[in-house]
Amino acid sequence: MIERFEDVIGWQKAKVLTVNIYSLFAKSRDFGFQDQILRASVSIMNNVAEGLERKSNKEFRQFLFIAKGSCGEVRPMLIFVEELKK
């Protein structure tokens, strides 16, 4: 059984994603877009952590679904950024 959220692979990957997004958008002048993608990426990490801390498999699953929803918010924004670079 996993005791710490830091040991959850999904949380580890979300942390790497969040650090990368923060680095990528550190100098962005589109503050609305920057705020939205940063908050969504942090939400992934936080929901994985919060779900594990609830100590209930049912609640953990629910928070993982919420984290997945945040992934669904980040992904299209990254696709949009890639399209702008073309």
C-alpha atoms as a PDB file:
ATOM      1  CA  MET A   1       0.000   0.000   0.000  1.00  0.00           C
ATOM      2  CA  ILE A   2       1.239   3.474  -0.871  1.00  0.00           C
ATOM      3  CA  GLU A   3       1.628   5.636   2.220  1.00  0.00           C
ATOM      4  CA  ARG A   4       2.885   8.926   0.759  1.00  0.00           C
ATOM      5  CA  PHE A   5       1.576  10.807  -2.259  1.00  0.00           C
ATOM      6  CA  GLU A   6       5.183  11.421  -3.319  1.00  0.00           C
ATOM      7  CA  ASP A   7       5.398   7.692  -4.079  1.00  0.00           C
ATOM      8  CA  VAL A   8       2.465   7.761  -6.520  1.00  0.00           C
ATOM      9  CA  ILE A   9       3.872   7.620 -10.062  1.00  0.00           C
ATOM     10  CA  GLY A  10       1.024   9.798 -11.338  1.00  0.00           C
ATOM     11  CA  TRP A  11       1.948  12.497  -8.814  1.00  0.00           C
ATOM     12  CA  GLN A  12       5.632  12.265  -9.798  1.00  0.00           C
ATOM     13  CA  LYS A  13       4.778  12.704 -13.474  1.00  0.00           C
ATOM     14  CA  ALA A  14       2.389  15.556 -12.699  1.00  0.00           C
ATOM     15  CA  LYS A  15       5.159  17.293 -10.764  1.00  0.00           C
ATOM     16  CA  VAL A  16       7.537  17.022 -13.738  1.00  0.00           C
ATOM     17  CA  LEU A  17       4.792  18.328 -16.043  1.00  0.00           C
ATOM     18  CA  THR A  18       4.093  21.257 -13.723  1.00  0.00           C
ATOM     19  CA  VAL A  19       7.765  22.210 -13.426  1.00  0.00           C
ATOM     20  CA  ASN A  20       8.098  22.045 -17.222  1.00  0.00           C
ATOM     21  CA  ILE A  21       5.000  24.167 -17.759  1.00  0.00           C
ATOM     22  CA  TYR A  22       6.183  26.745 -15.238  1.00  0.00           C
ATOM     23  CA  SER A  23       9.531  26.915 -17.065  1.00  0.00           C
ATOM     24  CA  LEU A  24       7.903  27.101 -20.492  1.00  0.00           C
ATOM     25  CA  PHE A  25       5.544  29.926 -19.535  1.00  0.00           C
ATOM     26  CA  ALA A  26       7.783  31.850 -17.125  1.00  0.00           C
ATOM     27  CA  LYS A  27       8.203  34.725 -19.575  1.00  0.00           C
ATOM     28  CA  SER A  28       4.754  34.618 -21.122  1.00  0.00           C
ATOM     29  CA  ARG A  29       2.989  37.945 -21.406  1.00  0.00           C
ATOM     30  CA  ASP A  30      -0.400  36.331 -21.931  1.00  0.00           C
ATOM     31  CA  PHE A  31      -1.184  36.352 -18.243  1.00  0.00           C
ATOM     32  CA  GLY A  32      -4.676  34.893 -18.578  1.00  0.00           C
ATOM     33  CA  PHE A  33      -3.470  31.885 -20.544  1.00  0.00           C
ATOM     34  CA  GLN A  34      -0.420  31.527 -18.318  1.00  0.00           C
ATOM     35  CA  ASP A  35      -2.541  31.561 -15.172  1.00  0.00           C
ATOM     36  CA  GLN A  36      -5.005  29.021 -16.565  1.00  0.00           C
ATOM     37  CA  ILE A  37      -2.418  26.460 -17.673  1.00  0.00           C
ATOM     38  CA  LEU A  38      -0.337  26.839 -14.510  1.00  0.00           C
ATOM     39  CA  ARG A  39      -3.358  26.407 -12.244  1.00  0.00           C
ATOM     40  CA  ALA A  40      -4.604  23.406 -14.220  1.00  0.00           C
ATOM     41  CA  SER A  41      -1.221  21.674 -14.070  1.00  0.00           C
ATOM     42  CA  VAL A  42      -0.896  22.280 -10.329  1.00  0.00           C
ATOM     43  CA  SER A  43      -4.433  20.922  -9.948  1.00  0.00           C
ATOM     44  CA  ILE A  44      -3.311  17.562 -11.343  1.00  0.00           C
ATOM     45  CA  MET A  45      -0.612  17.224  -8.680  1.00  0.00           C
ATOM     46  CA  ASN A  46      -2.783  18.487  -5.856  1.00  0.00           C
ATOM     47  CA  ASN A  47      -5.734  16.240  -6.616  1.00  0.00           C
ATOM     48  CA  VAL A  48      -3.570  13.118  -6.691  1.00  0.00           C
ATOM     49  CA  ALA A  49      -2.054  14.141  -3.350  1.00  0.00           C
ATOM     50  CA  GLU A  50      -5.354  15.103  -1.745  1.00  0.00           C
ATOM     51  CA  GLY A  51      -7.040  11.923  -2.886  1.00  0.00           C
ATOM     52  CA  LEU A  52      -4.355   9.732  -1.350  1.00  0.00           C
ATOM     53  CA  GLU A  53      -4.471  11.677   1.895  1.00  0.00           C
ATOM     54  CA  ARG A  54      -8.207  10.937   2.218  1.00  0.00           C
ATOM     55  CA  LYS A  55      -7.289   7.311   3.122  1.00  0.00           C
ATOM     56  CA  SER A  56     -10.247   5.889   1.232  1.00  0.00           C
ATOM     57  CA  ASN A  57      -9.974   4.063  -2.084  1.00  0.00           C
ATOM     58  CA  LYS A  58     -13.314   5.463  -3.176  1.00  0.00           C
ATOM     59  CA  GLU A  59     -12.241   9.051  -2.513  1.00  0.00           C
ATOM     60  CA  PHE A  60      -8.811   8.442  -4.035  1.00  0.00           C
ATOM     61  CA  ARG A  61     -10.461   7.251  -7.254  1.00  0.00           C
ATOM     62  CA  GLN A  62     -12.713  10.321  -7.281  1.00  0.00           C
ATOM     63  CA  PHE A  63      -9.742  12.668  -6.930  1.00  0.00           C
ATOM     64  CA  LEU A  64      -7.914  10.774  -9.690  1.00  0.00           C
ATOM     65  CA  PHE A  65     -10.913  11.429 -11.959  1.00  0.00           C
ATOM     66  CA  ILE A  66     -10.670  15.118 -11.070  1.00  0.00           C
ATOM     67  CA  ALA A  67      -6.917  15.057 -11.811  1.00  0.00           C
ATOM     68  CA  LYS A  68      -7.684  13.407 -15.162  1.00  0.00           C
ATOM     69  CA  GLY A  69     -10.096  16.242 -15.896  1.00  0.00           C
ATOM     70  CA  SER A  70      -7.314  18.739 -15.246  1.00  0.00           C
ATOM     71  CA  CYS A  71      -5.125  16.773 -17.666  1.00  0.00           C
ATOM     72  CA  GLY A  72      -7.908  17.228 -20.186  1.00  0.00           C
ATOM     73  CA  GLU A  73      -7.653  20.964 -19.608  1.00  0.00           C
ATOM     74  CA  VAL A  74      -3.857  21.155 -19.949  1.00  0.00           C
ATOM     75  CA  ARG A  75      -3.535  18.993 -23.064  1.00  0.00           C
ATOM     76  CA  PRO A  76      -5.515  21.160 -25.488  1.00  0.00           C
ATOM     77  CA  MET A  77      -3.729  24.272 -24.244  1.00  0.00           C
ATOM     78  CA  LEU A  78      -0.375  22.641 -25.017  1.00  0.00           C
ATOM     79  CA  ILE A  79      -1.678  21.610 -28.453  1.00  0.00           C
ATOM     80  CA  PHE A  80      -2.722  25.224 -29.037  1.00  0.00           C
ATOM     81  CA  VAL A  81       0.753  26.475 -28.072  1.00  0.00           C
ATOM     82  CA  GLU A  82       2.344  24.000 -30.496  1.00  0.00           C
ATOM     83  CA  GLU A  83       0.074  25.209 -33.304  1.00  0.00           C
ATOM     84  CA  LEU A  84       1.126  28.797 -32.637  1.00  0.00           C
ATOM     85  CA  LYS A  85       4.773  27.845 -33.125  1.00  0.00           C
ATOM     86  CA  LYS A  86       4.140  26.567 -36.692  1.00  0.00           C
END
